[in-house]
């Protein structure tokens, strides 16, 4: 026999059906081939294997000893291929005990995650989650090694490692938060006045790309002074409450602090872009059934959250 590289593996299907049918016409019908085409395939098989394989007798076509020895090997190989090429099993959230690891922003974990988890547990009671901070190592290594399943809520990044997929997910309006006693603050800020303020900044995703705020200011020839770079929103908001500094953050997070601390919301400069949150995963696992399910659930959650916000805005 010639090297497997030169062997037409389609002939194995022909061989297996011929061995079952022991009849060229019936085998051709099973394979949806013409009789001449099947006869030609049998000729190629005989040449490739150096054996007649099926011999015509008074009892019809009968297999040679070589064919009988080869049959279980071929059947096992075809069964393995059939199993390997079959679509992956559908993810069953109702019975799954899968633990997902999400790298998220402080904002997603505080504002959205509790409602998202509560919703999922209603029909996927066995699943669980681990939450991690977003770091450059998560994007460059952890996603590829599947130590993290998905990055949720990161502001859109223009440059990501090879193989990483980024999908737009949700937009959130940014607002400024200032202490109620802050004497420098009106109801809204123009861009130049915004730049003159003392600022508190969140550092949980720093180091990935310059922030949109810095980019926006730089485009207008401006910069700002950051007096405190904090690891979480609550510490940053407390700094704002006790100083004349401001912080720029998503509206829903700001609303929580207004109810908790002596702070108030101030309209930011019109030039500041909205927070463009994304879903990030690795292309190696994007088609895995459990990843497809999680991705679809997050997309559906975002759509429902947008619908709620629009409904509230119409009232």
Protein backbone atom coordinates (compact mmCIF):
# COMPACT_ATOMS: atom_id res chain seq x y z
CA UNK A 1 0.00 0.00 0.00
CA UNK A 2 1.16 3.51 -0.77
CA UNK A 3 1.71 6.09 1.97
CA UNK A 4 -1.45 7.17 3.77
CA UNK A 5 -0.81 10.66 2.42
CA UNK A 6 -1.60 9.33 -1.05
CA UNK A 7 -4.55 7.17 -0.02
CA UNK A 8 -8.05 8.54 -0.68
CA UNK A 9 -9.77 8.14 2.70
CA UNK A 10 -13.15 8.32 0.98
CA UNK A 11 -12.42 4.81 -0.24
CA UNK A 12 -12.78 3.57 3.34
CA UNK A 13 -16.47 4.49 3.23
CA UNK A 14 -16.82 2.58 -0.04
CA UNK A 15 -15.06 -0.42 1.47
CA UNK A 16 -17.24 -0.49 4.59
CA UNK A 17 -20.52 -0.30 2.62
CA UNK A 18 -19.38 -2.91 0.10
CA UNK A 19 -18.49 -5.25 2.93
CA UNK A 20 -21.95 -4.82 4.44
CA UNK A 21 -23.90 -5.12 1.20
CA UNK A 22 -21.71 -7.60 -0.73
CA UNK A 23 -23.44 -6.18 -3.82
CA UNK A 24 -22.17 -3.39 -6.09
CA UNK A 25 -25.58 -2.04 -7.13
CA UNK A 26 -26.97 -1.90 -3.57
CA UNK A 27 -23.74 -0.35 -2.27
CA UNK A 28 -23.88 2.28 -5.00
CA UNK A 29 -27.44 3.17 -3.96
CA UNK A 30 -26.42 3.45 -0.31
CA UNK A 31 -23.56 5.78 -1.23
CA UNK A 32 -25.60 7.75 -3.79
CA UNK A 33 -23.13 6.83 -6.52
CA UNK A 34 -23.62 5.40 -9.98
CA UNK A 35 -22.70 1.75 -10.46
CA UNK A 36 -19.76 2.59 -12.76
CA UNK A 37 -18.44 5.08 -10.20
CA UNK A 38 -18.58 2.49 -7.45
CA UNK A 39 -16.92 -0.14 -9.65
CA UNK A 40 -14.13 2.35 -10.33
CA UNK A 41 -13.76 3.03 -6.60
CA UNK A 42 -13.52 -0.71 -5.91
CA UNK A 43 -10.79 -0.98 -8.57
CA UNK A 44 -8.84 1.82 -6.87
CA UNK A 45 -9.23 0.09 -3.51
CA UNK A 46 -7.87 -3.15 -4.90
CA UNK A 47 -4.90 -1.37 -6.44
CA UNK A 48 -4.15 0.61 -3.30
CA UNK A 49 -4.33 -2.42 -0.98
CA UNK A 50 -2.87 -4.98 -3.37
CA UNK A 51 -5.74 -7.39 -2.77
CA UNK A 52 -8.99 -8.26 -4.64
CA UNK A 53 -10.94 -7.69 -1.37
CA UNK A 54 -14.24 -8.98 -2.82
CA UNK A 55 -14.35 -11.98 -5.15
CA UNK A 56 -17.34 -13.01 -7.26
CA UNK A 57 -18.51 -16.58 -6.42
CA UNK A 58 -21.64 -18.64 -6.92
CA UNK A 59 -22.89 -17.13 -3.64
CA UNK A 60 -22.20 -13.59 -4.88
CA UNK A 61 -19.36 -11.29 -3.78
CA UNK A 62 -17.33 -12.78 -0.94
CA UNK A 63 -14.58 -11.04 1.09
CA UNK A 64 -11.03 -12.19 1.08
CA UNK A 65 -9.20 -12.89 4.33
CA UNK A 66 -7.45 -9.52 3.96
CA UNK A 67 -10.81 -7.76 3.67
CA UNK A 68 -12.21 -9.57 6.72
CA UNK A 69 -9.16 -8.59 8.78
CA UNK A 70 -9.36 -4.98 7.58
CA UNK A 71 -13.10 -4.52 8.21
CA UNK A 72 -13.05 -4.01 12.02
CA UNK A 73 -10.10 -1.63 11.72
CA UNK A 74 -11.93 0.47 9.14
CA UNK A 75 -15.19 0.41 11.13
CA UNK A 76 -13.39 1.55 14.28
CA UNK A 77 -11.62 4.35 12.39
CA UNK A 78 -14.85 5.55 10.76
CA UNK A 79 -16.69 5.46 14.10
CA UNK A 80 -13.93 7.52 15.74
CA UNK A 81 -14.05 10.04 12.90
CA UNK A 82 -17.83 10.23 13.11
CA UNK A 83 -17.65 10.91 16.83
CA UNK A 84 -14.86 13.44 16.47
CA UNK A 85 -16.56 15.34 13.65
CA UNK A 86 -19.97 15.44 15.34
CA UNK A 87 -21.10 18.86 16.64
CA UNK A 88 -20.20 19.45 20.29
CA UNK A 89 -22.84 18.65 22.84
CA UNK A 90 -25.23 21.49 23.61
CA UNK A 91 -24.50 23.20 26.93
CA UNK A 92 -27.23 22.32 29.42
CA UNK A 93 -27.37 25.16 31.99
CA UNK A 94 -30.12 23.48 34.04
CA UNK A 95 -27.83 20.60 34.99
CA UNK A 96 -24.36 22.12 34.59
CA UNK A 97 -22.01 22.63 37.53
CA UNK A 98 -19.55 24.67 35.46
CA UNK A 99 -17.56 27.38 37.26
CA UNK A 100 -16.89 30.39 35.03
CA UNK A 101 -14.09 32.86 35.70
CA UNK A 102 -14.78 36.46 34.69
CA UNK A 103 -12.30 39.31 34.73
CA UNK A 104 -14.37 42.43 35.26
CA UNK A 105 -14.30 46.08 36.11
CA UNK A 106 -15.26 47.31 39.55
CA UNK A 107 -18.31 48.89 37.90
CA UNK A 108 -19.62 45.64 36.42
CA UNK A 109 -19.05 43.73 39.65
CA UNK A 110 -20.85 46.34 41.76
CA UNK A 111 -23.68 47.48 39.49
CA UNK A 112 -24.50 44.60 37.15
CA UNK A 113 -23.08 41.33 38.40
CA UNK A 114 -25.45 40.72 41.36
CA UNK A 115 -28.54 41.03 39.15
CA UNK A 116 -26.91 38.99 36.38
CA UNK A 117 -26.01 36.14 38.74
CA UNK A 118 -29.42 36.18 40.40
CA UNK A 119 -31.09 35.93 37.00
CA UNK A 120 -28.92 33.00 35.87
CA UNK A 121 -29.39 31.00 39.04
CA UNK A 122 -33.12 30.91 38.30
CA UNK A 123 -32.51 28.43 35.47
CA UNK A 124 -28.88 27.37 35.94
CA UNK A 125 -28.76 26.61 39.68
CA UNK A 126 -25.54 24.59 39.57
CA UNK A 127 -23.27 27.13 37.89
CA UNK A 128 -20.90 29.43 39.79
CA UNK A 129 -18.50 32.28 39.08
CA UNK A 130 -15.11 33.53 40.17
CA UNK A 131 -14.44 37.25 39.70
CA UNK A 132 -10.97 38.62 38.96
CA UNK A 133 -9.53 42.03 38.20
CA UNK A 134 -8.62 42.92 34.64
CA UNK A 135 -4.87 43.09 34.14
CA UNK A 136 -2.63 43.11 31.05
CA UNK A 137 -1.72 39.51 31.91
CA UNK A 138 -5.38 38.49 31.68
CA UNK A 139 -5.57 39.74 28.09
CA UNK A 140 -2.18 38.39 27.01
CA UNK A 141 -2.11 35.02 28.80
CA UNK A 142 -5.07 34.05 30.98
CA UNK A 143 -7.66 34.13 28.18
CA UNK A 144 -5.51 31.98 25.89
CA UNK A 145 -4.78 29.48 28.69
CA UNK A 146 -8.47 29.50 29.68
CA UNK A 147 -7.71 30.61 33.21
CA UNK A 148 -10.29 33.34 32.47
CA UNK A 149 -13.35 32.61 30.34
CA UNK A 150 -14.33 36.18 29.49
CA UNK A 151 -13.46 39.80 30.20
CA UNK A 152 -16.63 41.76 30.90
CA UNK A 153 -17.12 45.53 30.91
CA UNK A 154 -13.70 46.76 29.82
CA UNK A 155 -13.81 50.00 27.84
CA UNK A 156 -13.11 49.32 24.17
CA UNK A 157 -9.43 48.83 23.42
CA UNK A 158 -7.95 49.66 20.03
CA UNK A 159 -5.14 47.11 20.37
CA UNK A 160 -5.47 43.60 21.76
CA UNK A 161 -3.26 40.47 21.61
CA UNK A 162 -3.57 38.17 18.61
CA UNK A 163 -6.47 35.73 18.87
CA UNK A 164 -8.49 37.86 21.29
CA UNK A 165 -12.01 38.80 20.18
CA UNK A 166 -13.68 42.04 21.33
CA UNK A 167 -17.42 42.65 20.94
CA UNK A 168 -19.32 45.87 21.75
CA UNK A 169 -21.58 45.19 24.71
CA UNK A 170 -23.09 48.20 26.48
CA UNK A 171 -22.74 51.98 26.62
CA UNK A 172 -23.01 53.93 29.85
CA UNK A 173 -23.17 57.68 30.34
CA UNK A 174 -20.36 59.25 32.33
CA UNK A 175 -20.97 61.87 35.02
CA UNK A 176 -18.83 63.75 37.48
CA UNK A 177 -19.15 63.34 41.23
CA UNK A 178 -18.31 66.21 43.58
CA UNK A 179 -18.67 66.85 47.30
CA UNK A 180 -21.81 68.71 48.29
CA UNK A 181 -19.61 71.34 49.99
CA UNK A 182 -17.34 71.80 46.94
CA UNK A 183 -17.39 75.59 46.31
CA UNK A 184 -16.01 75.33 42.76
CA UNK A 185 -18.81 73.29 41.32
CA UNK A 186 -22.00 74.29 39.57
CA UNK A 187 -24.46 72.03 37.80
CA UNK A 188 -22.24 71.33 34.79
CA UNK A 189 -18.62 71.61 33.67
CA UNK A 190 -17.15 72.94 30.44
CA UNK A 191 -14.05 71.13 29.24
CA UNK A 192 -11.52 73.77 30.34
CA UNK A 193 -13.13 74.07 33.78
CA UNK A 194 -13.15 70.27 34.01
CA UNK A 195 -9.40 70.18 33.31
CA UNK A 196 -8.71 72.75 36.05
CA UNK A 197 -10.31 70.62 38.76
CA UNK A 198 -8.44 68.25 41.06
CA UNK A 199 -9.25 64.71 39.98
CA UNK A 200 -9.56 61.29 41.54
CA UNK A 201 -9.02 58.40 39.13
CA UNK A 202 -9.74 54.69 39.25
CA UNK A 203 -6.70 52.48 38.73
CA UNK A 204 -8.27 49.04 38.45
CA UNK A 205 -7.70 48.89 34.68
CA UNK A 206 -4.80 51.30 34.39
CA UNK A 207 -1.82 50.27 32.37
CA UNK A 208 -3.80 48.88 29.43
CA UNK A 209 -4.26 52.07 27.40
CA UNK A 210 -4.39 55.78 28.21
CA UNK A 211 -7.84 56.61 29.50
CA UNK A 212 -10.45 58.15 27.24
CA UNK A 213 -10.45 61.22 29.50
CA UNK A 214 -6.70 61.80 28.99
CA UNK A 215 -7.09 61.29 25.26
CA UNK A 216 -9.99 63.71 25.08
CA UNK A 217 -8.13 66.40 27.02
CA UNK A 218 -4.98 65.91 24.95
CA UNK A 219 -6.95 66.41 21.74
CA UNK A 220 -7.90 69.87 23.04
CA UNK A 221 -4.42 70.72 24.32
CA UNK A 222 -5.43 70.20 27.94
CA UNK A 223 -4.34 68.01 30.83
CA UNK A 224 -5.53 67.41 34.38
CA UNK A 225 -4.03 66.89 37.81
CA UNK A 226 -4.88 63.57 39.45
CA UNK A 227 -4.37 63.78 43.22
CA UNK A 228 -5.45 60.21 43.99
CA UNK A 229 -5.52 57.01 41.95
CA UNK A 230 -7.64 54.44 43.77
CA UNK A 231 -8.22 50.74 43.36
CA UNK A 232 -11.99 50.77 43.87
CA UNK A 233 -14.90 53.14 43.47
CA UNK A 234 -16.00 53.36 47.10
CA UNK A 235 -12.57 54.56 48.27
CA UNK A 236 -12.43 57.04 45.40
CA UNK A 237 -15.91 58.38 46.20
CA UNK A 238 -14.97 58.85 49.86
CA UNK A 239 -11.94 60.89 48.80
CA UNK A 240 -14.24 63.06 46.70
CA UNK A 241 -16.64 63.51 49.62
CA UNK A 242 -13.85 64.88 51.82
CA UNK A 243 -11.98 67.06 49.30
CA UNK A 244 -12.57 69.51 46.48
CA UNK A 245 -11.64 66.85 43.89
CA UNK A 246 -14.01 65.26 41.41
CA UNK A 247 -14.22 61.82 39.86
CA UNK A 248 -15.68 60.89 36.48
CA UNK A 249 -17.57 57.61 36.57
CA UNK A 250 -20.60 55.77 35.12
CA UNK A 251 -23.95 57.25 36.07
CA UNK A 252 -25.36 54.14 37.78
CA UNK A 253 -22.34 53.94 40.07
CA UNK A 254 -22.58 57.65 40.82
CA UNK A 255 -26.24 57.28 41.78
CA UNK A 256 -25.27 54.74 44.44
CA UNK A 257 -22.76 57.11 46.01
CA UNK A 258 -25.20 60.01 46.03
CA UNK A 259 -27.44 57.87 48.24
CA UNK A 260 -24.53 56.88 50.51
CA UNK A 261 -22.26 59.91 50.83
CA UNK A 262 -22.44 63.73 50.91
CA UNK A 263 -21.76 64.01 47.19
CA UNK A 264 -23.75 65.11 44.15
CA UNK A 265 -23.65 64.54 40.40
CA UNK A 266 -22.40 67.19 38.00
CA UNK A 267 -22.86 67.08 34.24
CA UNK A 268 -19.50 66.42 32.53
CA UNK A 269 -18.18 68.24 29.46
CA UNK A 270 -20.04 67.31 26.29
CA UNK A 271 -16.74 66.35 24.68
CA UNK A 272 -16.20 63.39 27.01
CA UNK A 273 -17.15 60.11 25.31
CA UNK A 274 -19.47 57.57 26.90
CA UNK A 275 -18.11 54.41 28.45
CA UNK A 276 -18.11 51.81 25.65
CA UNK A 277 -18.08 48.48 27.49
CA UNK A 278 -17.12 45.29 25.68
CA UNK A 279 -17.03 41.52 25.99
CA UNK A 280 -13.62 39.98 25.35
CA UNK A 281 -12.84 36.30 24.86
CA UNK A 282 -10.28 34.17 23.07
CA UNK A 283 -11.05 32.79 19.64
CA UNK A 284 -9.79 29.37 20.77
CA UNK A 285 -12.88 28.94 22.93
CA UNK A 286 -15.45 31.31 21.43
CA UNK A 287 -17.35 28.41 19.82
CA UNK A 288 -17.28 26.15 22.88
CA UNK A 289 -20.93 25.51 23.88
CA UNK A 290 -20.49 26.89 27.41
CA UNK A 291 -18.82 30.06 26.11
CA UNK A 292 -21.53 30.56 23.50
CA UNK A 293 -24.16 30.23 26.24
CA UNK A 294 -22.42 32.69 28.58
CA UNK A 295 -21.86 35.19 25.76
CA UNK A 296 -25.52 35.03 24.72
CA UNK A 297 -26.67 35.48 28.32
CA UNK A 298 -24.51 38.59 28.73
CA UNK A 299 -25.80 40.02 25.45
CA UNK A 300 -29.41 39.37 26.51
CA UNK A 301 -28.74 40.92 29.93
CA UNK A 302 -27.37 44.08 28.31
CA UNK A 303 -30.42 44.37 26.05
CA UNK A 304 -32.80 44.00 29.00
CA UNK A 305 -30.85 46.58 31.02
CA UNK A 306 -31.05 49.04 28.11
CA UNK A 307 -34.80 48.45 27.82
CA UNK A 308 -35.27 49.16 31.53
CA UNK A 309 -33.25 52.38 31.30
CA UNK A 310 -35.26 53.53 28.29
CA UNK A 311 -38.53 52.75 30.04
CA UNK A 312 -37.46 54.69 33.13
CA UNK A 313 -36.33 57.59 30.94
CA UNK A 314 -39.74 57.80 29.30
CA UNK A 315 -41.56 58.25 32.59
